[in-house]
Amino acid sequence: MEVGPFTVIGPDVEIDEGTWIGPHAVIKGPTRIGRDNRIHQFAAIGEAPQHKGYRGEPTELVIGDGNTIREFVTLHRGTAQGRGRTRIGNNNWLMAYCHIAHDCDLGNDLLFANSASLAGHVDVGDHATLGGFALVHQFCRIGAYAFCGFGSGINRDVPPFVTVSGQMAVPHGINSVGLRRQGFSAERVRAIKRAYRIIYRRGMRLEEARDTLCEELGDSRDVQSLVAFIDSSQRGLLR
């Protein structure tokens, strides 16, 4: 492990082998940081949550392996009222000024462009992308392989594979480019496109669209994951 000058690492911080920390970073605990991360200058890691109900409880931040955390990124611990933990997965790229609030749960292989920000209790699935200055409301979920464009204002759940943008954000098809880059076959992409049309183009109520997905595309594992996402949604889909 390498630590740059003027960096402050407080008590109850665990950092695994291979992690590099630049100058002028601040890391507070309880925080656990895995292997081979790169934390750049002026990052604020493991700070107390911005929550009026927080009373100093020993909540935590857990960061996995292989993440890049750029300048002025802020990652806050969880709350006793929530999960008690904020979690960052593996191999994520968080560009400058990104903010991850209390009790968020981030998957793996994510890309957050500059100043993308999550309010509390947000879940983000694997391989999702948030464009610069994208803002996500508390308790929302971003599905795996979703793409949220520059400046998106997101106040409901974004399904897996879907592209959204705008203020407020609206859907604009599936993340075709991202799926191809991740090795999705043409057959899988066709099934996802059909699922998108069922949800967004046939004028059905969400319950009807969900049942139609099961009837017409139930053999697709990607559509099965989309149905599971719909079934577990608390805030409703962004449509």
Protein backbone atom coordinates (compact mmCIF):
# COMPACT_ATOMS: atom_id res chain seq x y z
CA MET A 1 0.00 0.00 0.00
CA GLU A 2 1.20 3.51 -0.83
CA VAL A 3 -0.11 6.69 0.84
CA GLY A 4 0.63 10.20 -0.44
CA PRO A 5 1.62 13.22 1.66
CA PHE A 6 -0.93 15.08 3.78
CA THR A 7 -3.45 12.24 3.58
CA VAL A 8 -5.33 11.55 6.82
CA ILE A 9 -6.42 7.99 7.67
CA GLY A 10 -8.48 7.75 10.82
CA PRO A 11 -9.15 4.88 13.24
CA ASP A 12 -11.24 1.83 12.25
CA VAL A 13 -9.99 1.93 8.66
CA GLU A 14 -8.81 -1.31 7.03
CA ILE A 15 -6.95 -1.13 3.69
CA ASP A 16 -5.83 -4.24 1.80
CA GLU A 17 -2.69 -4.81 -0.26
CA GLY A 18 -2.02 -2.98 -3.51
CA THR A 19 -4.21 0.06 -2.87
CA TRP A 20 -2.70 3.44 -3.77
CA ILE A 21 -3.87 6.62 -2.04
CA GLY A 22 -2.82 10.02 -3.34
CA PRO A 23 -2.09 13.21 -1.39
CA HIS A 24 -4.62 15.22 0.62
CA ALA A 25 -7.22 12.44 0.83
CA VAL A 26 -9.25 11.91 4.01
CA ILE A 27 -10.42 8.43 5.02
CA LYS A 28 -12.55 7.93 8.12
CA GLY A 29 -13.89 4.76 9.68
CA PRO A 30 -15.41 2.38 10.13
CA THR A 31 -14.30 1.78 6.52
CA ARG A 32 -12.98 -1.34 4.79
CA ILE A 33 -11.11 -0.96 1.50
CA GLY A 34 -10.07 -3.94 -0.63
CA ARG A 35 -7.15 -4.62 -2.94
CA ASP A 36 -5.69 -2.62 -5.82
CA ASN A 37 -7.83 0.48 -5.53
CA ARG A 38 -6.61 3.92 -6.65
CA ILE A 39 -7.88 6.81 -4.53
CA HIS A 40 -6.86 10.20 -5.88
CA GLN A 41 -6.15 13.49 -4.16
CA PHE A 42 -8.80 15.29 -2.12
CA ALA A 43 -11.19 12.33 -2.06
CA ALA A 44 -13.34 12.15 1.11
CA ILE A 45 -13.92 8.50 1.99
CA GLY A 46 -16.01 7.15 4.87
CA GLU A 47 -17.36 10.46 6.12
CA ALA A 48 -20.42 10.49 8.38
CA PRO A 49 -23.73 10.40 6.47
CA GLN A 50 -25.59 13.61 5.65
CA HIS A 51 -28.67 12.49 7.54
CA LYS A 52 -30.36 14.47 10.33
CA GLY A 53 -31.20 11.27 12.19
CA TYR A 54 -27.58 10.14 12.41
CA ARG A 55 -26.33 10.16 15.99
CA GLY A 56 -22.81 8.83 15.59
CA GLU A 57 -23.70 5.14 15.35
CA PRO A 58 -20.82 2.89 14.13
CA THR A 59 -22.06 2.43 10.57
CA GLU A 60 -19.62 1.54 7.81
CA LEU A 61 -18.40 1.95 4.26
CA VAL A 62 -17.20 -1.14 2.38
CA ILE A 63 -15.20 -0.78 -0.85
CA GLY A 64 -14.23 -3.80 -2.95
CA ASP A 65 -11.23 -4.35 -5.23
CA GLY A 66 -9.85 -2.59 -8.28
CA ASN A 67 -11.82 0.65 -8.06
CA THR A 68 -10.64 4.01 -9.36
CA ILE A 69 -11.83 6.92 -7.21
CA ARG A 70 -10.89 10.26 -8.69
CA GLU A 71 -10.43 13.77 -7.29
CA PHE A 72 -12.98 15.15 -4.79
CA VAL A 73 -15.18 12.04 -4.82
CA THR A 74 -17.26 11.74 -1.62
CA LEU A 75 -18.33 8.33 -0.27
CA HIS A 76 -20.40 8.34 2.95
CA ARG A 77 -21.06 5.61 5.48
CA GLY A 78 -24.51 4.10 6.05
CA THR A 79 -27.11 5.00 8.67
CA ALA A 80 -28.66 3.07 11.52
CA GLN A 81 -32.04 3.93 10.00
CA GLY A 82 -30.98 2.27 6.74
CA ARG A 83 -28.71 -0.66 6.01
CA GLY A 84 -25.98 0.54 8.31
CA ARG A 85 -23.58 0.20 5.39
CA THR A 86 -22.69 1.81 2.09
CA ARG A 87 -21.14 -0.67 -0.34
CA ILE A 88 -19.00 -0.11 -3.44
CA GLY A 89 -18.32 -3.26 -5.47
CA ASN A 90 -15.35 -4.07 -7.69
CA ASN A 91 -13.69 -2.49 -10.73
CA ASN A 92 -15.75 0.68 -10.70
CA TRP A 93 -14.63 4.01 -12.16
CA LEU A 94 -15.87 7.05 -10.23
CA MET A 95 -14.76 10.26 -11.92
CA ALA A 96 -14.09 13.59 -10.22
CA TYR A 97 -16.70 15.10 -7.89
CA CYS A 98 -19.02 12.06 -7.84
CA HIS A 99 -21.06 11.68 -4.66
CA ILE A 100 -22.31 8.39 -3.20
CA ALA A 101 -24.62 9.02 -0.24
CA HIS A 102 -25.42 6.85 2.76
CA ASP A 103 -26.78 3.31 2.42
CA CYS A 104 -26.18 3.05 -1.33
CA ASP A 105 -25.25 -0.32 -2.84
CA LEU A 106 -23.14 -0.28 -6.01
CA GLY A 107 -22.37 -3.34 -8.11
CA ASN A 108 -19.34 -4.03 -10.27
CA ASP A 109 -17.84 -2.53 -13.45
CA LEU A 110 -19.72 0.75 -13.18
CA LEU A 111 -18.80 4.02 -14.87
CA PHE A 112 -19.85 7.29 -13.21
CA ALA A 113 -18.79 10.38 -15.16
CA ASN A 114 -17.90 13.67 -13.46
CA SER A 115 -20.29 14.88 -10.76
CA ALA A 116 -22.78 12.02 -11.08
CA SER A 117 -24.50 11.85 -7.70
CA LEU A 118 -26.62 9.36 -5.79
CA ALA A 119 -28.93 10.29 -2.93
CA GLY A 120 -29.34 7.83 -0.06
CA HIS A 121 -30.45 4.21 -0.39
CA VAL A 122 -29.82 3.96 -4.15
CA ASP A 123 -28.94 0.57 -5.71
CA VAL A 124 -26.97 0.34 -8.97
CA GLY A 125 -26.60 -2.94 -10.88
CA ASP A 126 -23.47 -4.22 -12.62
CA HIS A 127 -22.14 -2.55 -15.79
CA ALA A 128 -24.40 0.51 -15.51
CA THR A 129 -23.24 3.94 -16.70
CA LEU A 130 -24.15 7.37 -15.33
CA GLY A 131 -23.26 10.37 -17.47
CA GLY A 132 -21.83 13.56 -16.07
CA PHE A 133 -24.06 15.45 -13.63
CA ALA A 134 -26.67 12.67 -13.57
CA LEU A 135 -28.72 12.89 -10.35
CA VAL A 136 -30.54 9.95 -8.77
CA HIS A 137 -33.32 10.40 -6.19
CA GLN A 138 -33.20 8.49 -2.91
CA PHE A 139 -34.45 4.87 -2.87
CA CYS A 140 -34.26 4.56 -6.67
CA ARG A 141 -32.61 1.64 -8.44
CA ILE A 142 -30.55 1.61 -11.63
CA GLY A 143 -30.64 -1.79 -13.32
CA ALA A 144 -27.69 -3.71 -14.73
CA TYR A 145 -26.37 -2.46 -18.09
CA ALA A 146 -28.56 0.66 -17.94
CA PHE A 147 -27.25 3.91 -19.40
CA CYS A 148 -28.22 7.27 -17.87
CA GLY A 149 -27.24 10.20 -20.07
CA PHE A 150 -25.57 13.49 -19.21
CA GLY A 151 -27.60 15.61 -16.79
CA SER A 152 -30.32 13.00 -16.25
CA GLY A 153 -32.73 13.63 -13.39
CA ILE A 154 -33.88 10.21 -12.20
CA ASN A 155 -36.77 9.89 -9.74
CA ARG A 156 -37.93 6.33 -10.44
CA ASP A 157 -36.34 2.96 -11.16
CA VAL A 158 -34.42 2.55 -14.43
CA PRO A 159 -34.85 -1.03 -15.71
CA PRO A 160 -31.88 -3.15 -16.76
CA PHE A 161 -30.59 -2.56 -20.32
CA VAL A 162 -32.52 0.71 -20.80
CA THR A 163 -31.13 4.11 -21.84
CA VAL A 164 -32.62 7.22 -20.23
CA SER A 165 -31.78 10.91 -20.42
CA GLY A 166 -33.23 14.33 -19.85
CA GLN A 167 -34.42 16.51 -17.00
CA MET A 168 -36.60 14.78 -15.91
CA ALA A 169 -35.25 11.60 -17.51
CA VAL A 170 -37.31 9.62 -20.03
CA PRO A 171 -36.48 6.33 -21.80
CA HIS A 172 -34.79 6.34 -25.20
CA GLY A 173 -34.47 2.67 -26.14
CA ILE A 174 -32.00 0.06 -24.96
CA ASN A 175 -28.28 0.38 -24.34
CA SER A 176 -27.40 -1.40 -27.59
CA VAL A 177 -23.82 -0.15 -27.79
CA GLY A 178 -23.07 -1.13 -24.21
CA LEU A 179 -24.59 -4.58 -24.65
CA ARG A 180 -22.52 -5.27 -27.76
CA ARG A 181 -19.37 -4.12 -25.98
CA GLN A 182 -20.16 -6.54 -23.16
CA GLY A 183 -20.42 -9.43 -25.61
CA PHE A 184 -24.20 -9.84 -25.84
CA SER A 185 -25.15 -11.91 -28.87
CA ALA A 186 -27.46 -10.54 -31.56
CA GLU A 187 -30.14 -12.96 -30.36
CA ARG A 188 -29.97 -11.65 -26.79
CA VAL A 189 -30.11 -8.04 -27.98
CA ARG A 190 -33.16 -8.80 -30.15
CA ALA A 191 -34.99 -10.28 -27.16
CA ILE A 192 -34.18 -7.23 -25.04
CA LYS A 193 -35.40 -4.91 -27.81
CA ARG A 194 -38.67 -6.84 -28.01
CA ALA A 195 -39.04 -6.58 -24.26
CA TYR A 196 -38.48 -2.81 -24.43
CA ARG A 197 -41.20 -2.44 -27.07
CA ILE A 198 -43.61 -4.42 -24.92
CA ILE A 199 -43.00 -2.21 -21.89
CA TYR A 200 -42.75 1.15 -23.63
CA ARG A 201 -44.42 1.01 -27.04
CA ARG A 202 -47.60 -1.06 -26.79
CA GLY A 203 -49.49 1.28 -24.49
CA MET A 204 -50.04 -1.38 -21.83
CA ARG A 205 -50.31 -0.92 -18.12
CA LEU A 206 -47.14 -2.16 -16.44
CA GLU A 207 -48.90 -5.22 -15.01
CA GLU A 208 -50.09 -6.22 -18.49
CA ALA A 209 -46.65 -5.62 -19.99
CA ARG A 210 -45.05 -7.74 -17.27
CA ASP A 211 -47.38 -10.68 -18.01
CA THR A 212 -46.77 -10.30 -21.75
CA LEU A 213 -43.02 -10.47 -21.20
CA CYS A 214 -43.46 -13.79 -19.43
CA GLU A 215 -45.73 -15.15 -22.17
CA GLU A 216 -43.74 -14.04 -25.21
CA LEU A 217 -40.13 -13.99 -23.95
CA GLY A 218 -40.12 -16.10 -20.83
CA ASP A 219 -37.26 -18.31 -22.09
CA SER A 220 -34.80 -15.38 -22.18
CA ARG A 221 -32.70 -15.11 -19.02
CA ASP A 222 -32.26 -11.40 -19.71
CA VAL A 223 -36.02 -10.90 -19.83
CA GLN A 224 -36.35 -13.00 -16.68
CA SER A 225 -34.02 -10.56 -14.90
CA LEU A 226 -36.08 -7.67 -16.26
CA VAL A 227 -39.30 -9.22 -14.91
CA ALA A 228 -37.66 -9.78 -11.52
CA PHE A 229 -36.63 -6.12 -11.47
CA ILE A 230 -40.22 -5.05 -12.21
CA ASP A 231 -41.59 -7.33 -9.51
CA SER A 232 -39.26 -5.90 -6.87
CA SER A 233 -39.72 -2.23 -7.78
CA GLN A 234 -40.92 0.00 -4.95
CA ARG A 235 -40.88 3.40 -6.67
CA GLY A 236 -42.21 2.23 -10.05
CA LEU A 237 -40.41 2.24 -13.39
CA LEU A 238 -39.28 5.33 -15.21
CA ARG A 239 -41.64 5.22 -18.23
